Amino acid sequence: MPKLKSNRGAAKRFVRNAAGGFKRAASHRRHILTKKSTKRKRQLRAPAQLHPSDVKAAIRMLPYC
């Protein structure tokens, strides 16, 4: 049986953690940053967890992660 391919878009966005969940970056931090407060931008730096309802899909997209 051939190897499965990872979804490259998902591979760039998600990282698996030891508990079996996925770490992801926050959105809204790419452009138009002048109107956003320093506090808001600082809080967007922190990694977030992928929602539990999306974990099953992420596992299918990243078979070797």
PDB file of N, CA and C in Angstrom:
ATOM      1  N   MET A   1       0.846  -1.190   0.000  1.00  0.00           N
ATOM      2  CA  MET A   1       0.000   0.000   0.000  1.00  0.00           C
ATOM      3  C   MET A   1       0.887   1.247   0.000  1.00  0.00           C
ATOM      4  N   PRO A   2       0.566   2.239  -0.827  1.00  0.00           N
ATOM      5  CA  PRO A   2       1.428   3.430  -0.889  1.00  0.00           C
ATOM      6  C   PRO A   2       1.311   4.288   0.365  1.00  0.00           C
ATOM      7  N   LYS A   3       2.305   5.130   0.520  1.00  0.00           N
ATOM      8  CA  LYS A   3       2.282   6.073   1.638  1.00  0.00           C
ATOM      9  C   LYS A   3       1.153   7.074   1.429  1.00  0.00           C
ATOM     10  N   LEU A   4       0.610   7.570   2.529  1.00  0.00           N
ATOM     11  CA  LEU A   4      -0.421   8.612   2.462  1.00  0.00           C
ATOM     12  C   LEU A   4       0.253   9.969   2.384  1.00  0.00           C
ATOM     13  N   LYS A   5      -0.371  10.887   1.679  1.00  0.00           N
ATOM     14  CA  LYS A   5       0.165  12.244   1.593  1.00  0.00           C
ATOM     15  C   LYS A   5      -0.455  13.113   2.679  1.00  0.00           C
ATOM     16  N   SER A   6       0.384  13.945   3.265  1.00  0.00           N
ATOM     17  CA  SER A   6      -0.116  14.934   4.218  1.00  0.00           C
ATOM     18  C   SER A   6      -0.696  16.103   3.442  1.00  0.00           C
ATOM     19  N   ASN A   7      -1.742  16.701   3.981  1.00  0.00           N
ATOM     20  CA  ASN A   7      -2.281  17.930   3.406  1.00  0.00           C
ATOM     21  C   ASN A   7      -1.300  19.043   3.749  1.00  0.00           C
ATOM     22  N   ARG A   8      -0.663  19.629   2.727  1.00  0.00           N
ATOM     23  CA  ARG A   8       0.422  20.578   2.967  1.00  0.00           C
ATOM     24  C   ARG A   8      -0.057  21.858   3.647  1.00  0.00           C
ATOM     25  N   GLY A   9      -1.268  22.275   3.348  1.00  0.00           N
ATOM     26  CA  GLY A   9      -1.812  23.465   4.007  1.00  0.00           C
ATOM     27  C   GLY A   9      -1.981  23.236   5.498  1.00  0.00           C
ATOM     28  N   ALA A  10      -2.474  22.057   5.864  1.00  0.00           N
ATOM     29  CA  ALA A  10      -2.660  21.720   7.279  1.00  0.00           C
ATOM     30  C   ALA A  10      -1.311  21.542   7.975  1.00  0.00           C
ATOM     31  N   ALA A  11      -0.336  20.980   7.264  1.00  0.00           N
ATOM     32  CA  ALA A  11       0.987  20.754   7.855  1.00  0.00           C
ATOM     33  C   ALA A  11       1.663  22.062   8.229  1.00  0.00           C
ATOM     34  N   LYS A  12       1.380  23.126   7.467  1.00  0.00           N
ATOM     35  CA  LYS A  12       1.970  24.430   7.758  1.00  0.00           C
ATOM     36  C   LYS A  12       1.241  25.156   8.885  1.00  0.00           C
ATOM     37  N   ARG A  13       0.016  24.762   9.164  1.00  0.00           N
ATOM     38  CA  ARG A  13      -0.804  25.481  10.137  1.00  0.00           C
ATOM     39  C   ARG A  13      -0.878  24.838  11.509  1.00  0.00           C
ATOM     40  N   PHE A  14      -0.819  23.507  11.581  1.00  0.00           N
ATOM     41  CA  PHE A  14      -1.047  22.803  12.843  1.00  0.00           C
ATOM     42  C   PHE A  14       0.177  22.005  13.274  1.00  0.00           C
ATOM     43  N   VAL A  15       0.369  21.927  14.605  1.00  0.00           N
ATOM     44  CA  VAL A  15       1.432  21.107  15.194  1.00  0.00           C
ATOM     45  C   VAL A  15       0.789  20.246  16.261  1.00  0.00           C
ATOM     46  N   ARG A  16       1.080  18.967  16.237  1.00  0.00           N
ATOM     47  CA  ARG A  16       0.502  18.028  17.205  1.00  0.00           C
ATOM     48  C   ARG A  16       1.183  18.197  18.551  1.00  0.00           C
ATOM     49  N   ASN A  17       0.411  18.120  19.637  1.00  0.00           N
ATOM     50  CA  ASN A  17       1.016  18.175  20.969  1.00  0.00           C
ATOM     51  C   ASN A  17       0.944  16.797  21.635  1.00  0.00           C
ATOM     52  N   ALA A  18       1.565  16.676  22.784  1.00  0.00           N
ATOM     53  CA  ALA A  18       1.692  15.377  23.447  1.00  0.00           C
ATOM     54  C   ALA A  18       0.347  14.808  23.885  1.00  0.00           C
ATOM     55  N   ALA A  19      -0.620  15.670  24.145  1.00  0.00           N
ATOM     56  CA  ALA A  19      -1.938  15.223  24.592  1.00  0.00           C
ATOM     57  C   ALA A  19      -2.810  14.740  23.439  1.00  0.00           C
ATOM     58  N   GLY A  20      -2.335  14.873  22.201  1.00  0.00           N
ATOM     59  CA  GLY A  20      -3.090  14.418  21.043  1.00  0.00           C
ATOM     60  C   GLY A  20      -3.883  15.510  20.363  1.00  0.00           C
ATOM     61  N   GLY A  21      -3.844  16.719  20.916  1.00  0.00           N
ATOM     62  CA  GLY A  21      -4.531  17.844  20.287  1.00  0.00           C
ATOM     63  C   GLY A  21      -3.617  18.531  19.289  1.00  0.00           C
ATOM     64  N   PHE A  22      -4.044  19.657  18.789  1.00  0.00           N
ATOM     65  CA  PHE A  22      -3.252  20.401  17.821  1.00  0.00           C
ATOM     66  C   PHE A  22      -3.119  21.852  18.255  1.00  0.00           C
ATOM     67  N   LYS A  23      -1.922  22.385  18.071  1.00  0.00           N
ATOM     68  CA  LYS A  23      -1.644  23.788  18.348  1.00  0.00           C
ATOM     69  C   LYS A  23      -1.803  24.558  17.050  1.00  0.00           C
ATOM     70  N   ARG A  24      -2.340  25.779  17.138  1.00  0.00           N
ATOM     71  CA  ARG A  24      -2.517  26.613  15.953  1.00  0.00           C
ATOM     72  C   ARG A  24      -2.225  28.055  16.304  1.00  0.00           C
ATOM     73  N   ALA A  25      -1.945  28.859  15.294  1.00  0.00           N
ATOM     74  CA  ALA A  25      -1.704  30.286  15.506  1.00  0.00           C
ATOM     75  C   ALA A  25      -3.039  31.027  15.447  1.00  0.00           C
ATOM     76  N   ALA A  26      -3.094  32.162  16.114  1.00  0.00           N
ATOM     77  CA  ALA A  26      -4.295  32.995  16.078  1.00  0.00           C
ATOM     78  C   ALA A  26      -4.370  33.749  14.762  1.00  0.00           C
ATOM     79  N   SER A  27      -5.580  34.046  14.332  1.00  0.00           N
ATOM     80  CA  SER A  27      -5.774  34.815  13.102  1.00  0.00           C
ATOM     81  C   SER A  27      -5.802  36.314  13.423  1.00  0.00           C
ATOM     82  N   HIS A  28      -5.968  37.133  12.415  1.00  0.00           N
ATOM     83  CA  HIS A  28      -6.085  38.605  12.535  1.00  0.00           C
ATOM     84  C   HIS A  28      -4.787  39.291  12.926  1.00  0.00           C
ATOM     85  N   ARG A  29      -3.644  38.726  12.571  1.00  0.00           N
ATOM     86  CA  ARG A  29      -2.398  39.368  12.944  1.00  0.00           C
ATOM     87  C   ARG A  29      -1.466  39.535  11.751  1.00  0.00           C
ATOM     88  N   ARG A  30      -2.007  39.567  10.546  1.00  0.00           N
ATOM     89  CA  ARG A  30      -1.195  39.648   9.346  1.00  0.00           C
ATOM     90  C   ARG A  30      -1.050  41.076   8.820  1.00  0.00           C
ATOM     91  N   HIS A  31      -2.135  41.821   8.820  1.00  0.00           N
ATOM     92  CA  HIS A  31      -2.091  43.173   8.241  1.00  0.00           C
ATOM     93  C   HIS A  31      -3.142  44.035   8.930  1.00  0.00           C
ATOM     94  N   ILE A  32      -3.172  45.308   8.590  1.00  0.00           N
ATOM     95  CA  ILE A  32      -4.051  46.305   9.222  1.00  0.00           C
ATOM     96  C   ILE A  32      -3.848  46.272  10.742  1.00  0.00           C
ATOM     97  N   LEU A  33      -2.586  46.385  11.148  1.00  0.00           N
ATOM     98  CA  LEU A  33      -2.255  46.275  12.574  1.00  0.00           C
ATOM     99  C   LEU A  33      -2.286  47.616  13.293  1.00  0.00           C
ATOM    100  N   THR A  34      -2.337  48.716  12.559  1.00  0.00           N
ATOM    101  CA  THR A  34      -2.256  50.027  13.201  1.00  0.00           C
ATOM    102  C   THR A  34      -3.490  50.336  14.040  1.00  0.00           C
ATOM    103  N   LYS A  35      -4.633  49.861  13.617  1.00  0.00           N
ATOM    104  CA  LYS A  35      -5.861  50.145  14.377  1.00  0.00           C
ATOM    105  C   LYS A  35      -6.078  49.183  15.545  1.00  0.00           C
ATOM    106  N   LYS A  36      -5.314  48.114  15.598  1.00  0.00           N
ATOM    107  CA  LYS A  36      -5.460  47.143  16.688  1.00  0.00           C
ATOM    108  C   LYS A  36      -4.583  47.571  17.861  1.00  0.00           C
ATOM    109  N   SER A  37      -5.114  47.386  19.056  1.00  0.00           N
ATOM    110  CA  SER A  37      -4.385  47.819  20.255  1.00  0.00           C
ATOM    111  C   SER A  37      -3.189  46.901  20.512  1.00  0.00           C
ATOM    112  N   THR A  38      -2.231  47.421  21.245  1.00  0.00           N
ATOM    113  CA  THR A  38      -1.038  46.643  21.597  1.00  0.00           C
ATOM    114  C   THR A  38      -1.430  45.411  22.390  1.00  0.00           C
ATOM    115  N   LYS A  39      -2.391  45.559  23.291  1.00  0.00           N
ATOM    116  CA  LYS A  39      -2.854  44.433  24.107  1.00  0.00           C
ATOM    117  C   LYS A  39      -3.438  43.324  23.224  1.00  0.00           C
ATOM    118  N   ARG A  40      -4.245  43.724  22.252  1.00  0.00           N
ATOM    119  CA  ARG A  40      -4.868  42.747  21.359  1.00  0.00           C
ATOM    120  C   ARG A  40      -3.823  42.009  20.536  1.00  0.00           C
ATOM    121  N   LYS A  41      -2.842  42.739  20.004  1.00  0.00           N
ATOM    122  CA  LYS A  41      -1.785  42.116  19.195  1.00  0.00           C
ATOM    123  C   LYS A  41      -0.926  41.192  20.043  1.00  0.00           C
ATOM    124  N   ARG A  42      -0.653  41.591  21.278  1.00  0.00           N
ATOM    125  CA  ARG A  42       0.155  40.759  22.178  1.00  0.00           C
ATOM    126  C   ARG A  42      -0.573  39.456  22.500  1.00  0.00           C
ATOM    127  N   GLN A  43      -1.881  39.523  22.723  1.00  0.00           N
ATOM    128  CA  GLN A  43      -2.649  38.322  23.043  1.00  0.00           C
ATOM    129  C   GLN A  43      -2.784  37.393  21.841  1.00  0.00           C
ATOM    130  N   LEU A  44      -2.715  37.952  20.637  1.00  0.00           N
ATOM    131  CA  LEU A  44      -2.792  37.127  19.433  1.00  0.00           C
ATOM    132  C   LEU A  44      -1.497  36.355  19.164  1.00  0.00           C
ATOM    133  N   ARG A  45      -0.408  36.710  19.864  1.00  0.00           N
ATOM    134  CA  ARG A  45       0.855  35.973  19.712  1.00  0.00           C
ATOM    135  C   ARG A  45       0.767  34.570  20.286  1.00  0.00           C
ATOM    136  N   ALA A  46      -0.015  34.407  21.338  1.00  0.00           N
ATOM    137  CA  ALA A  46      -0.062  33.142  22.066  1.00  0.00           C
ATOM    138  C   ALA A  46      -0.685  32.047  21.206  1.00  0.00           C
ATOM    139  N   PRO A  47      -0.132  30.834  21.241  1.00  0.00           N
ATOM    140  CA  PRO A  47      -0.732  29.740  20.479  1.00  0.00           C
ATOM    141  C   PRO A  47      -2.078  29.335  21.064  1.00  0.00           C
ATOM    142  N   ALA A  48      -2.964  28.890  20.204  1.00  0.00           N
ATOM    143  CA  ALA A  48      -4.289  28.435  20.635  1.00  0.00           C
ATOM    144  C   ALA A  48      -4.429  26.952  20.316  1.00  0.00           C
ATOM    145  N   GLN A  49      -5.425  26.327  20.911  1.00  0.00           N
ATOM    146  CA  GLN A  49      -5.698  24.921  20.638  1.00  0.00           C
ATOM    147  C   GLN A  49      -6.745  24.817  19.541  1.00  0.00           C
ATOM    148  N   LEU A  50      -6.593  23.841  18.678  1.00  0.00           N
ATOM    149  CA  LEU A  50      -7.608  23.554  17.675  1.00  0.00           C
ATOM    150  C   LEU A  50      -8.842  23.044  18.412  1.00  0.00           C
ATOM    151  N   HIS A  51     -10.019  23.454  17.982  1.00  0.00           N
ATOM    152  CA  HIS A  51     -11.253  23.056  18.656  1.00  0.00           C
ATOM    153  C   HIS A  51     -11.412  21.534  18.589  1.00  0.00           C
ATOM    154  N   PRO A  52     -11.883  20.925  19.679  1.00  0.00           N
ATOM    155  CA  PRO A  52     -12.001  19.449  19.691  1.00  0.00           C
ATOM    156  C   PRO A  52     -12.821  18.873  18.537  1.00  0.00           C
ATOM    157  N   SER A  53     -13.808  19.603  18.044  1.00  0.00           N
ATOM    158  CA  SER A  53     -14.616  19.096  16.936  1.00  0.00           C
ATOM    159  C   SER A  53     -13.848  19.073  15.617  1.00  0.00           C
ATOM    160  N   ASP A  54     -12.729  19.793  15.532  1.00  0.00           N
ATOM    161  CA  ASP A  54     -11.919  19.826  14.315  1.00  0.00           C
ATOM    162  C   ASP A  54     -10.720  18.888  14.355  1.00  0.00           C
ATOM    163  N   VAL A  55     -10.459  18.281  15.496  1.00  0.00           N
ATOM    164  CA  VAL A  55      -9.267  17.436  15.656  1.00  0.00           C
ATOM    165  C   VAL A  55      -9.326  16.209  14.754  1.00  0.00           C
ATOM    166  N   LYS A  56     -10.496  15.605  14.615  1.00  0.00           N
ATOM    167  CA  LYS A  56     -10.641  14.403  13.788  1.00  0.00           C
ATOM    168  C   LYS A  56     -10.250  14.698  12.336  1.00  0.00           C
ATOM    169  N   ALA A  57     -10.680  15.842  11.824  1.00  0.00           N
ATOM    170  CA  ALA A  57     -10.341  16.232  10.452  1.00  0.00           C
ATOM    171  C   ALA A  57      -8.836  16.486  10.320  1.00  0.00           C
ATOM    172  N   ALA A  58      -8.242  17.102  11.335  1.00  0.00           N
ATOM    173  CA  ALA A  58      -6.802  17.397  11.295  1.00  0.00           C
ATOM    174  C   ALA A  58      -5.983  16.104  11.314  1.00  0.00           C
ATOM    175  N   ILE A  59      -6.431  15.123  12.056  1.00  0.00           N
ATOM    176  CA  ILE A  59      -5.727  13.829  12.109  1.00  0.00           C
ATOM    177  C   ILE A  59      -5.753  13.160  10.736  1.00  0.00           C
ATOM    178  N   ARG A  60      -6.881  13.268  10.038  1.00  0.00           N
ATOM    179  CA  ARG A  60      -6.974  12.688   8.688  1.00  0.00           C
ATOM    180  C   ARG A  60      -6.082  13.417   7.698  1.00  0.00           C
ATOM    181  N   MET A  61      -5.939  14.717   7.878  1.00  0.00           N
ATOM    182  CA  MET A  61      -5.097  15.498   6.957  1.00  0.00           C
ATOM    183  C   MET A  61      -3.610  15.291   7.230  1.00  0.00           C
ATOM    184  N   LEU A  62      -3.275  14.916   8.469  1.00  0.00           N
ATOM    185  CA  LEU A  62      -1.866  14.756   8.861  1.00  0.00           C
ATOM    186  C   LEU A  62      -1.637  13.353   9.409  1.00  0.00           C
ATOM    187  N   PRO A  63      -1.563  12.345   8.537  1.00  0.00           N
ATOM    188  CA  PRO A  63      -1.493  10.956   9.000  1.00  0.00           C
ATOM    189  C   PRO A  63      -0.205  10.608   9.755  1.00  0.00           C
ATOM    190  N   TYR A  64       0.899  11.317   9.508  1.00  0.00           N
ATOM    191  CA  TYR A  64       2.162  10.948  10.150  1.00  0.00           C
ATOM    192  C   TYR A  64       2.587  11.970  11.201  1.00  0.00           C
ATOM    193  N   CYS A  65       1.667  12.800  11.636  1.00  0.00           N
ATOM    194  CA  CYS A  65       1.987  13.858  12.585  1.00  0.00           C
ATOM    195  C   CYS A  65       1.867  13.339  14.016  1.00  0.00           C
TER     196      CYS A  65
END
